[in-house]
Amino acid sequence: MYRKISRGFQITLPPEFRERHGLKIGDVIEMRDEGYSLSIHPALQTSSQNMATKLIELLKQSPADGVTEIPEERLLNVLGNEIETS
């Protein structure tokens, strides 16, 4: 499938690509230069999955005495680090 680069160096992703990958207006994508090719990946999905994984890890680390709350500062730190790296 071919796409033409328009003004502002923009391309339009075909509807079947957007639907297959669940892309919506405002989503973040990651572009990678892979030598002789360029790849595009949905970055937000990966970031969301990483955040979910890290939150699950935090919940598993809660004290065994029945306390299930995670200190807000610790939670925000984990989320902040994940958002900065995405």
C-alpha atoms as a PDB file:
ATOM      1  CA  MET A   1       0.000   0.000   0.000  1.00  0.00           C
ATOM      2  CA  TYR A   2       1.349   3.412  -0.914  1.00  0.00           C
ATOM      3  CA  ARG A   3       0.676   6.785   0.678  1.00  0.00           C
ATOM      4  CA  LYS A   4       1.668  10.220  -0.552  1.00  0.00           C
ATOM      5  CA  ILE A   5       3.362  12.670   1.807  1.00  0.00           C
ATOM      6  CA  SER A   6       1.255  15.831   1.873  1.00  0.00           C
ATOM      7  CA  ARG A   7       1.887  19.410   3.045  1.00  0.00           C
ATOM      8  CA  GLY A   8       3.593  19.537   6.390  1.00  0.00           C
ATOM      9  CA  PHE A   9       5.080  16.089   5.661  1.00  0.00           C
ATOM     10  CA  GLN A  10       1.887  14.365   6.808  1.00  0.00           C
ATOM     11  CA  ILE A  11       0.528  10.969   5.823  1.00  0.00           C
ATOM     12  CA  THR A  12      -2.936   9.517   6.361  1.00  0.00           C
ATOM     13  CA  LEU A  13      -3.164   6.070   7.876  1.00  0.00           C
ATOM     14  CA  PRO A  14      -5.693   3.865   6.074  1.00  0.00           C
ATOM     15  CA  PRO A  15      -8.895   3.127   8.032  1.00  0.00           C
ATOM     16  CA  GLU A  16      -8.136  -0.607   8.230  1.00  0.00           C
ATOM     17  CA  PHE A  17      -4.763   0.161   9.915  1.00  0.00           C
ATOM     18  CA  ARG A  18      -6.366   2.596  12.377  1.00  0.00           C
ATOM     19  CA  GLU A  19      -9.115   0.122  13.251  1.00  0.00           C
ATOM     20  CA  ARG A  20      -6.799  -2.890  13.556  1.00  0.00           C
ATOM     21  CA  HIS A  21      -4.529  -1.037  15.978  1.00  0.00           C
ATOM     22  CA  GLY A  22      -7.264   0.920  17.753  1.00  0.00           C
ATOM     23  CA  LEU A  23      -5.774   4.291  16.827  1.00  0.00           C
ATOM     24  CA  LYS A  24      -7.798   7.436  17.445  1.00  0.00           C
ATOM     25  CA  ILE A  25      -7.196  11.151  16.969  1.00  0.00           C
ATOM     26  CA  GLY A  26      -4.741  12.351  19.621  1.00  0.00           C
ATOM     27  CA  ASP A  27      -3.094   8.956  20.175  1.00  0.00           C
ATOM     28  CA  VAL A  28       0.685   8.886  20.404  1.00  0.00           C
ATOM     29  CA  ILE A  29       2.744   6.798  18.019  1.00  0.00           C
ATOM     30  CA  GLU A  30       6.413   5.885  18.092  1.00  0.00           C
ATOM     31  CA  MET A  31       8.445   6.046  14.898  1.00  0.00           C
ATOM     32  CA  ARG A  32      11.632   4.015  14.569  1.00  0.00           C
ATOM     33  CA  ASP A  33      14.352   4.370  11.964  1.00  0.00           C
ATOM     34  CA  GLU A  34      15.393   0.810  11.184  1.00  0.00           C
ATOM     35  CA  GLY A  35      18.109   1.377   8.623  1.00  0.00           C
ATOM     36  CA  TYR A  36      16.411   1.171   5.250  1.00  0.00           C
ATOM     37  CA  SER A  37      12.894   1.205   6.671  1.00  0.00           C
ATOM     38  CA  LEU A  38      10.696   3.231   8.985  1.00  0.00           C
ATOM     39  CA  SER A  39       8.303   1.571  11.402  1.00  0.00           C
ATOM     40  CA  ILE A  40       5.370   3.112  13.259  1.00  0.00           C
ATOM     41  CA  HIS A  41       4.076   1.667  16.531  1.00  0.00           C
ATOM     42  CA  PRO A  42       1.219   2.725  18.815  1.00  0.00           C
ATOM     43  CA  ALA A  43       3.125   4.093  21.827  1.00  0.00           C
ATOM     44  CA  LEU A  44       0.178   4.772  24.103  1.00  0.00           C
ATOM     45  CA  GLN A  45      -0.931   1.149  24.188  1.00  0.00           C
ATOM     46  CA  THR A  46       2.543   0.048  25.245  1.00  0.00           C
ATOM     47  CA  SER A  47       2.692   2.768  27.872  1.00  0.00           C
ATOM     48  CA  SER A  48      -0.721   1.774  29.254  1.00  0.00           C
ATOM     49  CA  GLN A  49       0.332  -1.862  29.420  1.00  0.00           C
ATOM     50  CA  ASN A  50       3.556  -0.904  31.224  1.00  0.00           C
ATOM     51  CA  MET A  51       1.626   1.216  33.729  1.00  0.00           C
ATOM     52  CA  ALA A  52      -0.835  -1.601  34.398  1.00  0.00           C
ATOM     53  CA  THR A  53       2.023  -4.057  34.940  1.00  0.00           C
ATOM     54  CA  LYS A  54       3.788  -1.697  37.337  1.00  0.00           C
ATOM     55  CA  LEU A  55       0.570  -1.047  39.285  1.00  0.00           C
ATOM     56  CA  ILE A  56      -0.011  -4.782  39.650  1.00  0.00           C
ATOM     57  CA  GLU A  57       3.562  -5.170  40.930  1.00  0.00           C
ATOM     58  CA  LEU A  58       2.943  -2.418  43.495  1.00  0.00           C
ATOM     59  CA  LEU A  59      -0.272  -4.043  44.675  1.00  0.00           C
ATOM     60  CA  LYS A  60       1.556  -7.350  45.163  1.00  0.00           C
ATOM     61  CA  GLN A  61       4.109  -5.544  47.345  1.00  0.00           C
ATOM     62  CA  SER A  62       1.477  -4.200  49.791  1.00  0.00           C
ATOM     63  CA  PRO A  63       1.911  -5.253  53.393  1.00  0.00           C
ATOM     64  CA  ALA A  64       0.439  -8.608  54.400  1.00  0.00           C
ATOM     65  CA  ASP A  65      -1.435  -7.076  57.356  1.00  0.00           C
ATOM     66  CA  GLY A  66      -4.461  -6.316  55.179  1.00  0.00           C
ATOM     67  CA  VAL A  67      -3.455  -2.762  54.240  1.00  0.00           C
ATOM     68  CA  THR A  68      -4.122  -2.433  50.534  1.00  0.00           C
ATOM     69  CA  GLU A  69      -3.441   1.265  50.092  1.00  0.00           C
ATOM     70  CA  ILE A  70      -0.352   2.375  48.257  1.00  0.00           C
ATOM     71  CA  PRO A  71       1.079   5.708  49.394  1.00  0.00           C
ATOM     72  CA  GLU A  72      -0.030   8.358  46.893  1.00  0.00           C
ATOM     73  CA  GLU A  73       3.519   9.691  46.513  1.00  0.00           C
ATOM     74  CA  ARG A  74       4.827   6.247  45.558  1.00  0.00           C
ATOM     75  CA  LEU A  75       2.016   5.685  43.057  1.00  0.00           C
ATOM     76  CA  LEU A  76       2.520   9.087  41.434  1.00  0.00           C
ATOM     77  CA  ASN A  77       6.260   8.444  41.232  1.00  0.00           C
ATOM     78  CA  VAL A  78       5.727   5.173  39.342  1.00  0.00           C
ATOM     79  CA  LEU A  79       3.165   6.723  37.003  1.00  0.00           C
ATOM     80  CA  GLY A  80       5.301   9.824  36.456  1.00  0.00           C
ATOM     81  CA  ASN A  81       8.333   7.737  35.525  1.00  0.00           C
ATOM     82  CA  GLU A  82       6.291   5.692  33.075  1.00  0.00           C
ATOM     83  CA  ILE A  83       4.778   8.754  31.398  1.00  0.00           C
ATOM     84  CA  GLU A  84       8.196  10.416  31.025  1.00  0.00           C
ATOM     85  CA  THR A  85       9.678   7.347  29.346  1.00  0.00           C
ATOM     86  CA  SER A  86       6.839   6.873  26.877  1.00  0.00           C
END
